[in-house]
């Protein structure tokens, strides 16, 4: 079982990977405690935000909205490659997903297709929301892609996980399309190379 990192451990892991990190006021105690478990942790989930503008993106990921309170992830990765920490603990990002996918992540095996939503992902995954419209046309700047790679690798390195512990929201929950604009196999290969 992998216990959650402390706020200091999470921050240190990201910075040790060479990331530029901004601590949003209150992130260390901002979570959905009391609304379900947080841990054991098994992986890292990557999302796109369907937003534009770094400040507005960070704010919505911190606050959430009426039907889904924040935090909506643990870190927001903006276009310039900065990681903005918005939550520590359970966050509303993964939702219910496929238990077969979770078992594959735990075993670090190739993922099956997700076809059901029977397992609480908010308890088991660190989440990074990445600023992008998610329309397949909004570009992913190299600095942002590098930061996504580094953030995923930082968590994996802390726990001794391989790149198989990094998944996209679309690989977890039926009907989701994020992240759109780059392939998860491509990202996992980059994480693999970084973890060597």
C-alpha atoms as a PDB file:
ATOM      1  CA  UNK A   1       0.000   0.000   0.000  1.00  0.00           C
ATOM      2  CA  UNK A   2       1.201   3.492  -0.853  1.00  0.00           C
ATOM      3  CA  UNK A   3       0.261   6.122   1.726  1.00  0.00           C
ATOM      4  CA  UNK A   4      -0.345   9.698   0.590  1.00  0.00           C
ATOM      5  CA  UNK A   5       2.611  12.041   0.501  1.00  0.00           C
ATOM      6  CA  UNK A   6       2.645  14.893   2.976  1.00  0.00           C
ATOM      7  CA  UNK A   7       2.364  18.377   1.495  1.00  0.00           C
ATOM      8  CA  UNK A   8       6.107  18.879   2.024  1.00  0.00           C
ATOM      9  CA  UNK A   9       6.940  15.558   0.346  1.00  0.00           C
ATOM     10  CA  UNK A  10       4.748  16.374  -2.657  1.00  0.00           C
ATOM     11  CA  UNK A  11       6.288  19.824  -3.056  1.00  0.00           C
ATOM     12  CA  UNK A  12       9.812  18.422  -2.675  1.00  0.00           C
ATOM     13  CA  UNK A  13       9.200  15.627  -5.184  1.00  0.00           C
ATOM     14  CA  UNK A  14       8.021  18.105  -7.817  1.00  0.00           C
ATOM     15  CA  UNK A  15      10.873  20.529  -7.229  1.00  0.00           C
ATOM     16  CA  UNK A  16      13.450  17.712  -7.237  1.00  0.00           C
ATOM     17  CA  UNK A  17      12.259  16.843 -10.751  1.00  0.00           C
ATOM     18  CA  UNK A  18      13.161  20.384 -11.835  1.00  0.00           C
ATOM     19  CA  UNK A  19       9.660  21.834 -11.949  1.00  0.00           C
ATOM     20  CA  UNK A  20       8.706  25.451 -11.338  1.00  0.00           C
ATOM     21  CA  UNK A  21       6.037  25.242  -8.610  1.00  0.00           C
ATOM     22  CA  UNK A  22       3.648  27.891  -7.305  1.00  0.00           C
ATOM     23  CA  UNK A  23       1.894  27.252  -3.998  1.00  0.00           C
ATOM     24  CA  UNK A  24      -1.645  28.640  -4.160  1.00  0.00           C
ATOM     25  CA  UNK A  25      -2.686  30.016  -0.753  1.00  0.00           C
ATOM     26  CA  UNK A  26      -4.365  27.334   1.315  1.00  0.00           C
ATOM     27  CA  UNK A  27      -3.466  24.366  -0.906  1.00  0.00           C
ATOM     28  CA  UNK A  28      -1.905  22.350   1.946  1.00  0.00           C
ATOM     29  CA  UNK A  29      -5.251  21.906   3.715  1.00  0.00           C
ATOM     30  CA  UNK A  30      -7.591  22.204   0.705  1.00  0.00           C
ATOM     31  CA  UNK A  31      -9.249  18.849   0.015  1.00  0.00           C
ATOM     32  CA  UNK A  32     -12.479  16.875   0.070  1.00  0.00           C
ATOM     33  CA  UNK A  33     -11.827  15.182   3.408  1.00  0.00           C
ATOM     34  CA  UNK A  34     -15.003  13.644   4.767  1.00  0.00           C
ATOM     35  CA  UNK A  35     -16.307  12.824   1.302  1.00  0.00           C
ATOM     36  CA  UNK A  36     -14.487   9.530   0.867  1.00  0.00           C
ATOM     37  CA  UNK A  37     -11.112   7.915   1.289  1.00  0.00           C
ATOM     38  CA  UNK A  38      -7.719   9.346   0.341  1.00  0.00           C
ATOM     39  CA  UNK A  39      -5.415   6.428  -0.283  1.00  0.00           C
ATOM     40  CA  UNK A  40      -3.887   4.007  -0.692  1.00  0.00           C
ATOM     41  CA  UNK A  41      -2.449   5.740  -3.752  1.00  0.00           C
ATOM     42  CA  UNK A  42      -1.834   3.813  -6.946  1.00  0.00           C
ATOM     43  CA  UNK A  43      -1.173   6.250  -9.770  1.00  0.00           C
ATOM     44  CA  UNK A  44      -1.200   9.600 -11.497  1.00  0.00           C
ATOM     45  CA  UNK A  45      -4.074  10.815 -13.686  1.00  0.00           C
ATOM     46  CA  UNK A  46      -3.696  13.456 -16.415  1.00  0.00           C
ATOM     47  CA  UNK A  47      -6.573  15.720 -17.499  1.00  0.00           C
ATOM     48  CA  UNK A  48      -7.208  18.741 -19.701  1.00  0.00           C
ATOM     49  CA  UNK A  49      -9.206  21.633 -18.299  1.00  0.00           C
ATOM     50  CA  UNK A  50     -11.341  22.896 -21.234  1.00  0.00           C
ATOM     51  CA  UNK A  51     -10.337  26.406 -20.152  1.00  0.00           C
ATOM     52  CA  UNK A  52      -7.961  29.117 -21.270  1.00  0.00           C
ATOM     53  CA  UNK A  53      -6.016  31.705 -19.344  1.00  0.00           C
ATOM     54  CA  UNK A  54      -3.740  30.565 -16.564  1.00  0.00           C
ATOM     55  CA  UNK A  55      -5.210  32.632 -13.723  1.00  0.00           C
ATOM     56  CA  UNK A  56      -8.802  31.642 -14.491  1.00  0.00           C
ATOM     57  CA  UNK A  57      -7.793  28.003 -14.937  1.00  0.00           C
ATOM     58  CA  UNK A  58      -6.015  27.848 -11.583  1.00  0.00           C
ATOM     59  CA  UNK A  59      -8.944  29.574  -9.858  1.00  0.00           C
ATOM     60  CA  UNK A  60     -11.579  27.144 -11.169  1.00  0.00           C
ATOM     61  CA  UNK A  61      -9.391  24.157 -10.299  1.00  0.00           C
ATOM     62  CA  UNK A  62      -9.042  25.505  -6.765  1.00  0.00           C
ATOM     63  CA  UNK A  63     -12.671  26.567  -6.255  1.00  0.00           C
ATOM     64  CA  UNK A  64     -14.540  24.127  -8.492  1.00  0.00           C
ATOM     65  CA  UNK A  65     -18.084  25.120  -9.378  1.00  0.00           C
ATOM     66  CA  UNK A  66     -21.615  24.658  -8.042  1.00  0.00           C
ATOM     67  CA  UNK A  67     -22.060  21.019  -9.016  1.00  0.00           C
ATOM     68  CA  UNK A  68     -18.441  19.970  -8.339  1.00  0.00           C
ATOM     69  CA  UNK A  69     -16.589  21.656  -5.456  1.00  0.00           C
ATOM     70  CA  UNK A  70     -12.833  22.088  -5.562  1.00  0.00           C
ATOM     71  CA  UNK A  71     -10.139  21.174  -5.503  1.00  0.00           C
ATOM     72  CA  UNK A  72     -10.506  19.611  -8.942  1.00  0.00           C
ATOM     73  CA  UNK A  73      -6.945  18.235  -8.872  1.00  0.00           C
ATOM     74  CA  UNK A  74      -3.716  18.472  -6.928  1.00  0.00           C
ATOM     75  CA  UNK A  75      -1.719  20.473  -9.444  1.00  0.00           C
ATOM     76  CA  UNK A  76      -2.621  22.653 -12.418  1.00  0.00           C
ATOM     77  CA  UNK A  77      -0.034  22.665 -15.207  1.00  0.00           C
ATOM     78  CA  UNK A  78      -0.343  25.885 -17.183  1.00  0.00           C
ATOM     79  CA  UNK A  79       0.826  26.562 -20.730  1.00  0.00           C
ATOM     80  CA  UNK A  80       4.175  27.936 -19.546  1.00  0.00           C
ATOM     81  CA  UNK A  81       5.000  24.704 -17.697  1.00  0.00           C
ATOM     82  CA  UNK A  82       4.364  25.988 -14.184  1.00  0.00           C
ATOM     83  CA  UNK A  83       2.726  23.622 -11.691  1.00  0.00           C
ATOM     84  CA  UNK A  84       0.237  25.445  -9.457  1.00  0.00           C
ATOM     85  CA  UNK A  85      -0.554  23.433  -6.329  1.00  0.00           C
ATOM     86  CA  UNK A  86      -4.260  23.734  -5.472  1.00  0.00           C
ATOM     87  CA  UNK A  87      -5.015  20.707  -3.293  1.00  0.00           C
ATOM     88  CA  UNK A  88      -3.550  18.200  -0.885  1.00  0.00           C
ATOM     89  CA  UNK A  89      -5.648  15.136  -0.119  1.00  0.00           C
ATOM     90  CA  UNK A  90      -8.791  13.868  -1.780  1.00  0.00           C
ATOM     91  CA  UNK A  91      -9.746  15.960  -4.831  1.00  0.00           C
ATOM     92  CA  UNK A  92     -12.684  15.860  -7.249  1.00  0.00           C
ATOM     93  CA  UNK A  93     -10.824  14.867 -10.401  1.00  0.00           C
ATOM     94  CA  UNK A  94     -11.073  11.176 -11.284  1.00  0.00           C
ATOM     95  CA  UNK A  95     -14.608  10.236 -10.316  1.00  0.00           C
ATOM     96  CA  UNK A  96     -15.831   6.686 -10.687  1.00  0.00           C
ATOM     97  CA  UNK A  97     -13.942   4.522 -13.151  1.00  0.00           C
ATOM     98  CA  UNK A  98     -13.136   0.985 -14.160  1.00  0.00           C
ATOM     99  CA  UNK A  99     -11.908  -1.368 -11.442  1.00  0.00           C
ATOM    100  CA  UNK A 100     -10.177  -3.499 -14.083  1.00  0.00           C
ATOM    101  CA  UNK A 101      -8.107  -0.448 -15.041  1.00  0.00           C
ATOM    102  CA  UNK A 102      -7.161   0.144 -11.406  1.00  0.00           C
ATOM    103  CA  UNK A 103      -6.058  -3.486 -11.062  1.00  0.00           C
ATOM    104  CA  UNK A 104      -3.885  -3.088 -14.177  1.00  0.00           C
ATOM    105  CA  UNK A 105      -2.350   0.113 -12.777  1.00  0.00           C
ATOM    106  CA  UNK A 106      -1.582  -1.613  -9.475  1.00  0.00           C
ATOM    107  CA  UNK A 107       0.004  -4.534 -11.362  1.00  0.00           C
ATOM    108  CA  UNK A 108       1.698  -2.052 -13.749  1.00  0.00           C
ATOM    109  CA  UNK A 109       0.362  -3.882 -16.806  1.00  0.00           C
ATOM    110  CA  UNK A 110      -1.119  -2.689 -20.081  1.00  0.00           C
ATOM    111  CA  UNK A 111      -4.499  -1.081 -19.505  1.00  0.00           C
ATOM    112  CA  UNK A 112      -7.701  -2.774 -20.611  1.00  0.00           C
ATOM    113  CA  UNK A 113     -10.394  -0.674 -22.279  1.00  0.00           C
ATOM    114  CA  UNK A 114     -12.514   1.088 -19.664  1.00  0.00           C
ATOM    115  CA  UNK A 115     -16.142   0.048 -19.907  1.00  0.00           C
ATOM    116  CA  UNK A 116     -17.604   0.578 -16.455  1.00  0.00           C
ATOM    117  CA  UNK A 117     -17.547   3.049 -13.584  1.00  0.00           C
ATOM    118  CA  UNK A 118     -17.532   0.957 -10.426  1.00  0.00           C
ATOM    119  CA  UNK A 119     -14.488   2.231  -8.507  1.00  0.00           C
ATOM    120  CA  UNK A 120     -13.677   5.498  -6.699  1.00  0.00           C
ATOM    121  CA  UNK A 121     -10.696   7.040  -8.472  1.00  0.00           C
ATOM    122  CA  UNK A 122     -10.525  10.125  -6.277  1.00  0.00           C
ATOM    123  CA  UNK A 123      -9.196   7.907  -3.498  1.00  0.00           C
ATOM    124  CA  UNK A 124      -6.447   6.292  -5.582  1.00  0.00           C
ATOM    125  CA  UNK A 125      -4.928   8.823  -8.009  1.00  0.00           C
ATOM    126  CA  UNK A 126      -2.986  12.051  -7.879  1.00  0.00           C
ATOM    127  CA  UNK A 127      -4.513  14.380 -10.466  1.00  0.00           C
ATOM    128  CA  UNK A 128      -2.941  17.008 -12.703  1.00  0.00           C
ATOM    129  CA  UNK A 129      -5.233  19.302 -14.684  1.00  0.00           C
ATOM    130  CA  UNK A 130      -3.484  20.748 -17.730  1.00  0.00           C
ATOM    131  CA  UNK A 131      -4.562  24.062 -19.224  1.00  0.00           C
ATOM    132  CA  UNK A 132      -5.986  23.296 -22.674  1.00  0.00           C
ATOM    133  CA  UNK A 133      -9.287  23.741 -24.481  1.00  0.00           C
ATOM    134  CA  UNK A 134      -9.338  20.022 -25.223  1.00  0.00           C
ATOM    135  CA  UNK A 135     -10.607  20.543 -28.757  1.00  0.00           C
ATOM    136  CA  UNK A 136      -7.692  18.783 -30.448  1.00  0.00           C
ATOM    137  CA  UNK A 137      -6.546  22.105 -31.928  1.00  0.00           C
ATOM    138  CA  UNK A 138      -5.383  24.100 -28.914  1.00  0.00           C
ATOM    139  CA  UNK A 139      -1.594  23.612 -28.895  1.00  0.00           C
ATOM    140  CA  UNK A 140       0.412  21.911 -26.183  1.00  0.00           C
ATOM    141  CA  UNK A 141       3.589  24.013 -25.833  1.00  0.00           C
ATOM    142  CA  UNK A 142       6.823  22.047 -25.342  1.00  0.00           C
ATOM    143  CA  UNK A 143       7.311  23.599 -21.880  1.00  0.00           C
ATOM    144  CA  UNK A 144       3.893  22.336 -20.803  1.00  0.00           C
ATOM    145  CA  UNK A 145       4.424  18.832 -22.167  1.00  0.00           C
ATOM    146  CA  UNK A 146       7.783  18.659 -20.416  1.00  0.00           C
ATOM    147  CA  UNK A 147       6.165  19.759 -17.155  1.00  0.00           C
ATOM    148  CA  UNK A 148       3.443  17.080 -17.501  1.00  0.00           C
ATOM    149  CA  UNK A 149       6.164  14.480 -18.024  1.00  0.00           C
ATOM    150  CA  UNK A 150       8.169  15.740 -15.041  1.00  0.00           C
ATOM    151  CA  UNK A 151       5.146  15.959 -12.720  1.00  0.00           C
ATOM    152  CA  UNK A 152       4.061  12.396 -13.521  1.00  0.00           C
ATOM    153  CA  UNK A 153       7.635  11.160 -13.141  1.00  0.00           C
ATOM    154  CA  UNK A 154       8.054  12.971  -9.821  1.00  0.00           C
ATOM    155  CA  UNK A 155       5.163  11.089  -8.243  1.00  0.00           C
ATOM    156  CA  UNK A 156       6.258   7.788  -9.781  1.00  0.00           C
ATOM    157  CA  UNK A 157       9.824   8.310  -8.577  1.00  0.00           C
ATOM    158  CA  UNK A 158       8.654   8.982  -5.010  1.00  0.00           C
ATOM    159  CA  UNK A 159       6.735   5.705  -4.882  1.00  0.00           C
ATOM    160  CA  UNK A 160       9.042   3.582  -7.043  1.00  0.00           C
ATOM    161  CA  UNK A 161       6.314   3.172  -9.673  1.00  0.00           C
ATOM    162  CA  UNK A 162       6.932   2.723 -13.390  1.00  0.00           C
ATOM    163  CA  UNK A 163       5.340   4.698 -16.218  1.00  0.00           C
ATOM    164  CA  UNK A 164       2.462   2.170 -16.137  1.00  0.00           C
ATOM    165  CA  UNK A 165       1.113   4.053 -13.123  1.00  0.00           C
ATOM    166  CA  UNK A 166       0.399   7.111 -15.311  1.00  0.00           C
ATOM    167  CA  UNK A 167      -3.000   7.177 -17.005  1.00  0.00           C
ATOM    168  CA  UNK A 168      -5.304   9.598 -18.755  1.00  0.00           C
ATOM    169  CA  UNK A 169      -8.823  10.353 -17.558  1.00  0.00           C
ATOM    170  CA  UNK A 170     -10.062   8.847 -20.841  1.00  0.00           C
ATOM    171  CA  UNK A 171      -8.418   5.556 -19.887  1.00  0.00           C
ATOM    172  CA  UNK A 172     -10.218   5.496 -16.536  1.00  0.00           C
ATOM    173  CA  UNK A 173     -13.786   6.649 -17.053  1.00  0.00           C
ATOM    174  CA  UNK A 174     -16.037   5.710 -19.995  1.00  0.00           C
ATOM    175  CA  UNK A 175     -17.031   8.712 -22.078  1.00  0.00           C
ATOM    176  CA  UNK A 176     -14.097  10.925 -21.084  1.00  0.00           C
ATOM    177  CA  UNK A 177     -11.773  12.244 -23.813  1.00  0.00           C
ATOM    178  CA  UNK A 178      -9.026  13.926 -21.820  1.00  0.00           C
ATOM    179  CA  UNK A 179      -6.306  14.577 -22.361  1.00  0.00           C
ATOM    180  CA  UNK A 180      -6.886  15.284 -26.040  1.00  0.00           C
ATOM    181  CA  UNK A 181      -3.979  16.400 -28.218  1.00  0.00           C
ATOM    182  CA  UNK A 182      -1.260  13.919 -27.237  1.00  0.00           C
ATOM    183  CA  UNK A 183      -1.184  10.163 -26.691  1.00  0.00           C
ATOM    184  CA  UNK A 184      -0.851   8.540 -23.303  1.00  0.00           C
ATOM    185  CA  UNK A 185       1.459   5.841 -24.664  1.00  0.00           C
ATOM    186  CA  UNK A 186       3.702   8.655 -25.915  1.00  0.00           C
ATOM    187  CA  UNK A 187       3.636  10.304 -22.482  1.00  0.00           C
ATOM    188  CA  UNK A 188       4.330   7.023 -20.706  1.00  0.00           C
ATOM    189  CA  UNK A 189       7.363   6.454 -22.947  1.00  0.00           C
ATOM    190  CA  UNK A 190       8.691   9.883 -21.972  1.00  0.00           C
ATOM    191  CA  UNK A 191       8.131   9.121 -18.294  1.00  0.00           C
ATOM    192  CA  UNK A 192       9.885   5.764 -18.763  1.00  0.00           C
ATOM    193  CA  UNK A 193      12.932   7.489 -20.242  1.00  0.00           C
ATOM    194  CA  UNK A 194      12.997  10.067 -17.451  1.00  0.00           C
ATOM    195  CA  UNK A 195      12.826   7.416 -14.738  1.00  0.00           C
ATOM    196  CA  UNK A 196      15.848   5.485 -16.075  1.00  0.00           C
END
